[in-house]
N, C-alpha and C. Protein backbone atom coordinates (compact mmCIF):
# COMPACT_ATOMS: atom_id res chain seq x y z
N UNK A 1 -83.03 -137.94 130.79
CA UNK A 1 -82.70 -139.80 131.01
C UNK A 1 -81.95 -140.54 131.01
N UNK A 2 -81.13 -141.00 131.85
CA UNK A 2 -79.97 -141.87 130.94
C UNK A 2 -79.87 -142.56 130.21
N UNK A 3 -81.01 -143.13 129.48
CA UNK A 3 -80.80 -143.16 127.90
C UNK A 3 -80.42 -142.46 127.19
N UNK A 4 -80.91 -140.60 127.65
CA UNK A 4 -80.19 -140.09 126.50
C UNK A 4 -79.00 -139.44 126.81
N UNK A 5 -77.95 -139.85 127.78
CA UNK A 5 -75.98 -139.41 127.83
C UNK A 5 -75.98 -140.01 126.31
N UNK A 6 -76.60 -140.91 126.43
CA UNK A 6 -74.75 -141.94 125.09
C UNK A 6 -75.19 -140.83 124.41
N UNK A 7 -76.22 -140.19 123.73
CA UNK A 7 -76.47 -139.16 122.36
C UNK A 7 -76.17 -138.07 122.73
N UNK A 8 -76.69 -137.34 124.09
CA UNK A 8 -75.63 -135.83 124.11
C UNK A 8 -74.35 -135.95 124.18
N UNK A 9 -73.58 -137.11 124.59
CA UNK A 9 -72.56 -136.92 124.99
C UNK A 9 -71.40 -137.17 123.47
N UNK A 10 -71.43 -138.10 122.11
CA UNK A 10 -72.04 -138.20 121.05
C UNK A 10 -71.80 -136.80 120.34
N UNK A 11 -72.91 -136.17 120.23
CA UNK A 11 -73.01 -134.61 119.78
C UNK A 11 -72.31 -133.97 120.19
N UNK A 12 -71.92 -133.83 121.98
CA UNK A 12 -71.21 -132.96 122.11
C UNK A 12 -69.71 -133.00 121.60
N UNK A 13 -69.18 -134.48 121.81
CA UNK A 13 -67.65 -134.84 121.82
C UNK A 13 -67.67 -134.46 120.17
N UNK A 14 -68.70 -134.09 119.08
CA UNK A 14 -68.84 -134.13 117.86
C UNK A 14 -68.31 -132.58 117.61
N UNK A 15 -69.08 -132.04 118.08
CA UNK A 15 -69.43 -130.49 117.89
C UNK A 15 -68.14 -129.28 118.87
N UNK A 16 -68.31 -129.27 119.89
CA UNK A 16 -67.51 -129.29 121.05
C UNK A 16 -66.23 -128.16 120.43
N UNK A 17 -65.60 -129.26 119.55
CA UNK A 17 -64.62 -128.13 119.05
C UNK A 17 -65.15 -126.89 117.67
N UNK A 18 -66.13 -127.25 117.42
CA UNK A 18 -66.99 -125.81 117.08
C UNK A 18 -67.12 -125.18 117.26
N UNK A 19 -67.23 -124.81 118.54
CA UNK A 19 -67.87 -124.35 119.70
C UNK A 19 -69.11 -124.66 120.36
N UNK A 20 -69.91 -125.91 120.43
CA UNK A 20 -71.16 -126.28 120.91
C UNK A 20 -70.99 -126.13 122.73
N UNK A 21 -71.38 -126.00 123.19
CA UNK A 21 -71.76 -125.35 124.37
C UNK A 21 -72.87 -125.93 125.40
N UNK A 22 -72.34 -127.03 125.80
CA UNK A 22 -73.78 -127.82 126.24
C UNK A 22 -73.31 -128.32 127.81
N UNK A 23 -74.64 -127.43 128.78
CA UNK A 23 -75.03 -126.90 129.98
C UNK A 23 -75.98 -127.66 130.17
N UNK A 24 -75.82 -128.53 131.70
CA UNK A 24 -76.52 -129.95 131.69
C UNK A 24 -77.45 -129.27 133.41
N UNK A 25 -78.63 -128.86 133.81
CA UNK A 25 -78.84 -128.62 135.17
C UNK A 25 -79.36 -129.59 135.65
N UNK A 26 -78.93 -129.61 136.83
CA UNK A 26 -79.38 -130.59 137.65
C UNK A 26 -81.04 -130.24 138.43
N UNK A 27 -82.22 -131.27 138.27
CA UNK A 27 -83.15 -130.70 139.24
C UNK A 27 -83.64 -131.68 140.84
N UNK A 28 -82.47 -131.17 141.23
CA UNK A 28 -82.25 -131.99 142.35
C UNK A 28 -81.76 -131.34 143.74
N UNK A 29 -82.77 -131.78 144.83
CA UNK A 29 -81.47 -131.08 146.48
C UNK A 29 -80.53 -131.74 146.74
N UNK A 30 -80.30 -133.45 146.14
CA UNK A 30 -79.57 -134.11 146.46
C UNK A 30 -78.05 -133.94 145.94
N UNK A 31 -77.26 -133.30 146.20
CA UNK A 31 -76.18 -132.86 146.06
C UNK A 31 -75.05 -133.87 146.18
N UNK A 32 -74.87 -134.50 146.69
CA UNK A 32 -74.12 -135.37 146.82
C UNK A 32 -74.32 -136.38 145.39
N UNK A 33 -75.97 -136.91 145.37
CA UNK A 33 -75.85 -137.84 144.48
C UNK A 33 -75.78 -137.67 143.16
N UNK A 34 -76.10 -135.91 142.81
CA UNK A 34 -75.49 -135.21 141.61
C UNK A 34 -74.07 -135.32 141.45
N UNK A 35 -73.56 -135.09 141.87
CA UNK A 35 -72.04 -134.91 141.95
C UNK A 35 -71.67 -136.27 141.18
N UNK A 36 -71.86 -137.59 142.24
CA UNK A 36 -71.88 -138.93 141.80
C UNK A 36 -72.17 -139.15 140.65
N UNK A 37 -73.57 -138.86 140.18
CA UNK A 37 -73.74 -138.70 138.58
C UNK A 37 -72.26 -137.94 137.36
N UNK A 38 -72.12 -136.78 137.38
CA UNK A 38 -71.01 -136.57 136.83
C UNK A 38 -70.42 -137.27 136.56
N UNK A 39 -69.53 -138.12 138.08
CA UNK A 39 -68.36 -138.83 138.05
C UNK A 39 -68.57 -139.72 137.22
N UNK A 40 -69.51 -140.22 137.39
CA UNK A 40 -69.65 -142.11 137.21
C UNK A 40 -70.39 -142.34 135.13
N UNK A 41 -70.90 -140.56 135.29
CA UNK A 41 -71.37 -140.66 133.84
C UNK A 41 -69.94 -140.16 132.69
N UNK A 42 -69.25 -139.84 133.49
CA UNK A 42 -67.86 -139.14 132.70
C UNK A 42 -68.43 -137.61 131.79
N UNK A 43 -69.27 -136.66 132.88
CA UNK A 43 -69.89 -135.64 132.44
C UNK A 43 -68.60 -134.75 131.76
N UNK A 44 -68.19 -134.31 130.63
CA UNK A 44 -67.52 -133.16 130.75
C UNK A 44 -68.21 -132.14 130.34
N UNK A 45 -69.04 -131.86 130.20
CA UNK A 45 -69.67 -130.18 130.16
C UNK A 45 -69.71 -129.52 131.28
N UNK A 46 -70.42 -128.36 131.03
CA UNK A 46 -70.50 -127.76 131.90
C UNK A 46 -71.58 -127.69 132.62
N UNK A 47 -71.75 -128.08 134.36
CA UNK A 47 -72.83 -128.97 134.81
C UNK A 47 -73.31 -127.91 136.44
N UNK A 48 -74.69 -127.79 136.28
CA UNK A 48 -75.07 -126.50 136.67
C UNK A 48 -76.01 -127.37 137.94
N UNK A 49 -76.25 -126.40 139.06
CA UNK A 49 -77.64 -127.29 140.13
C UNK A 49 -77.76 -125.77 140.80
N UNK A 50 -79.24 -125.92 140.96
CA UNK A 50 -79.92 -125.02 141.75
C UNK A 50 -80.19 -125.52 143.39
N UNK A 51 -80.00 -126.67 143.70
CA UNK A 51 -79.84 -127.73 144.68
C UNK A 51 -81.11 -127.51 145.19
N UNK A 52 -82.41 -127.64 144.34
CA UNK A 52 -83.66 -127.65 145.16
C UNK A 52 -84.44 -128.74 143.98
N UNK A 53 -85.71 -128.97 144.27
CA UNK A 53 -85.99 -130.02 143.34
C UNK A 53 -86.72 -128.95 142.57
N UNK A 54 -87.10 -129.96 141.40
CA UNK A 54 -87.83 -128.88 139.89
C UNK A 54 -88.50 -127.93 140.19
N UNK A 55 -89.72 -128.37 141.36
CA UNK A 55 -91.03 -127.53 141.75
C UNK A 55 -90.32 -126.16 142.59
N UNK A 56 -89.40 -126.45 142.25
CA UNK A 56 -88.70 -124.91 143.07
C UNK A 56 -87.98 -124.38 142.36
N UNK A 57 -87.60 -125.07 141.31
CA UNK A 57 -85.95 -124.20 140.68
C UNK A 57 -86.67 -123.42 139.93
N UNK A 58 -85.56 -121.84 140.04
CA UNK A 58 -86.05 -120.71 138.98
C UNK A 58 -85.51 -121.36 137.65
N UNK A 59 -84.49 -121.81 137.30
CA UNK A 59 -84.82 -122.14 135.81
C UNK A 59 -85.93 -122.85 134.72
N UNK A 60 -86.51 -123.38 136.00
CA UNK A 60 -87.48 -124.32 135.41
C UNK A 60 -88.41 -123.95 135.35
N UNK A 61 -88.64 -122.92 136.33
CA UNK A 61 -90.14 -121.73 136.08
C UNK A 61 -89.84 -120.45 134.87
N UNK A 62 -88.77 -120.34 134.81
CA UNK A 62 -88.09 -119.14 133.73
C UNK A 62 -88.71 -119.84 132.05
N UNK A 63 -87.63 -121.30 132.54
CA UNK A 63 -87.84 -121.53 130.28
C UNK A 63 -89.02 -122.64 130.85
N UNK A 64 -89.96 -122.93 131.53
CA UNK A 64 -91.50 -123.08 131.27
C UNK A 64 -91.09 -124.75 131.01
N UNK A 65 -89.77 -125.20 131.52
CA UNK A 65 -90.20 -126.90 131.59
C UNK A 65 -91.13 -127.79 132.34
N UNK A 66 -91.38 -128.40 131.72
CA UNK A 66 -93.20 -129.36 132.19
C UNK A 66 -92.42 -130.66 132.38
N UNK A 67 -91.15 -131.19 131.89
CA UNK A 67 -90.90 -132.48 131.87
C UNK A 67 -89.72 -132.90 132.24
N UNK A 68 -88.90 -133.98 132.75
CA UNK A 68 -87.76 -133.74 132.31
C UNK A 68 -87.66 -134.91 131.83
N UNK A 69 -86.45 -135.42 131.47
CA UNK A 69 -85.24 -134.30 131.17
C UNK A 69 -85.64 -133.25 129.86
N UNK A 70 -85.68 -132.62 129.55
CA UNK A 70 -85.30 -131.39 128.46
C UNK A 70 -84.80 -130.60 127.76
N UNK A 71 -84.39 -130.83 126.91
CA UNK A 71 -83.63 -130.35 126.44
C UNK A 71 -83.76 -128.90 125.01
N UNK A 72 -82.67 -127.92 125.79
CA UNK A 72 -83.10 -127.04 124.60
C UNK A 72 -81.60 -126.65 123.66
N UNK A 73 -82.25 -126.09 122.44
CA UNK A 73 -80.94 -125.30 121.90
C UNK A 73 -80.70 -124.02 121.90
N UNK A 74 -80.17 -123.60 121.80
CA UNK A 74 -80.18 -121.63 121.83
C UNK A 74 -79.31 -122.11 121.20
N UNK A 75 -79.48 -120.86 120.17
CA UNK A 75 -78.48 -120.43 118.50
C UNK A 75 -78.26 -119.08 119.27
N UNK A 76 -76.69 -118.44 118.73
CA UNK A 76 -75.88 -117.50 118.32
C UNK A 76 -76.40 -116.00 119.13
N UNK A 77 -77.39 -116.26 118.64
CA UNK A 77 -78.71 -114.81 118.51
C UNK A 77 -79.20 -114.88 120.19
N UNK A 78 -79.19 -115.69 121.01
CA UNK A 78 -79.72 -116.28 122.45
C UNK A 78 -81.15 -116.65 121.62
N UNK A 79 -81.47 -116.91 121.42
CA UNK A 79 -82.83 -117.93 120.35
C UNK A 79 -83.10 -119.25 120.52
N UNK A 80 -84.35 -119.70 121.18
CA UNK A 80 -84.30 -120.78 121.71
C UNK A 80 -85.42 -121.96 120.26
N UNK A 81 -83.86 -123.32 119.59
CA UNK A 81 -84.19 -122.97 117.62
C UNK A 81 -85.24 -124.64 118.22
N UNK A 82 -85.17 -125.48 119.54
CA UNK A 82 -85.47 -126.90 119.38
C UNK A 82 -85.33 -126.55 121.14
N UNK A 83 -86.58 -127.30 121.11
CA UNK A 83 -87.10 -127.39 122.16
C UNK A 83 -87.84 -129.03 122.30
N UNK A 84 -87.19 -129.82 123.20
CA UNK A 84 -87.45 -131.58 123.43
C UNK A 84 -88.43 -131.71 124.14
N UNK A 85 -89.25 -130.77 125.05
CA UNK A 85 -90.39 -130.50 125.41
C UNK A 85 -91.87 -131.17 124.28
N UNK A 86 -90.90 -130.17 123.98
CA UNK A 86 -92.58 -129.39 123.31
C UNK A 86 -92.47 -130.95 121.59
N UNK A 87 -91.41 -131.39 121.30
CA UNK A 87 -92.03 -132.29 119.48
C UNK A 87 -90.49 -133.18 120.02
N UNK A 88 -90.05 -133.57 120.87
CA UNK A 88 -88.94 -134.49 120.15
C UNK A 88 -88.37 -135.17 121.44
N UNK A 89 -89.62 -135.62 122.51
CA UNK A 89 -88.84 -136.13 123.95
C UNK A 89 -87.56 -137.72 123.76
N UNK A 90 -87.88 -138.22 122.45
CA UNK A 90 -86.67 -139.32 122.75
C UNK A 90 -85.58 -138.51 122.06
N UNK A 91 -85.17 -137.33 121.69
CA UNK A 91 -83.95 -137.25 121.13
C UNK A 91 -83.65 -137.31 119.92
N UNK A 92 -84.72 -137.91 118.73
CA UNK A 92 -84.66 -138.31 117.97
C UNK A 92 -83.88 -137.00 116.59
N UNK A 93 -84.10 -136.11 116.99
CA UNK A 93 -84.20 -135.14 115.52
C UNK A 93 -83.01 -134.10 116.23
N UNK A 94 -82.33 -133.85 117.39
CA UNK A 94 -81.79 -132.79 118.20
C UNK A 94 -80.11 -132.50 117.39
N UNK A 95 -79.62 -133.81 116.67
CA UNK A 95 -78.66 -134.19 116.09
C UNK A 95 -78.49 -133.05 114.73
N UNK A 96 -79.79 -133.18 113.98
CA UNK A 96 -80.24 -132.44 112.99
C UNK A 96 -80.19 -131.10 113.13
N UNK A 97 -80.76 -130.33 114.45
CA UNK A 97 -80.83 -129.17 114.98
C UNK A 97 -79.08 -128.62 115.54
N UNK A 98 -78.50 -129.22 116.18
CA UNK A 98 -76.90 -129.00 116.25
C UNK A 98 -76.51 -128.76 114.99
N UNK A 99 -76.63 -129.63 113.91
CA UNK A 99 -75.73 -129.16 112.47
C UNK A 99 -76.37 -127.92 111.96
N UNK A 100 -77.40 -127.80 112.05
CA UNK A 100 -77.97 -126.49 111.87
C UNK A 100 -77.30 -125.08 112.67
N UNK A 101 -77.07 -125.47 113.24
CA UNK A 101 -76.43 -124.43 113.61
C UNK A 101 -74.88 -124.28 113.08
N UNK A 102 -74.07 -124.98 112.66
CA UNK A 102 -73.34 -125.27 112.09
C UNK A 102 -72.59 -124.70 110.76
N UNK A 103 -74.25 -124.43 110.17
CA UNK A 103 -74.11 -124.86 108.76
C UNK A 103 -73.43 -123.56 107.96
N UNK A 104 -73.26 -122.20 108.49
CA UNK A 104 -72.99 -121.18 108.21
C UNK A 104 -71.45 -120.71 108.10
């Protein structure tokens, strides 16, 4: 959702030099619209698209994504430590989880 982008951009800006990687998956087959979205919003992280609708997405199926947008935090060991779809749809707690990644 568009209202989540400023929060994600702020978190990415604050933590990218500490090693945070943000991968933004597009769930649409309109490639031109997706590319324009990246440019218009100055999305400087990794942007990926399967170029298919969400219901045909291997990524959505693999991770059990049922709502868009959904944010995951994956730690260095590859464990999902946060899933906005399950408990934080407005991303009010995401920064707390990101901070935990860099506490040690």
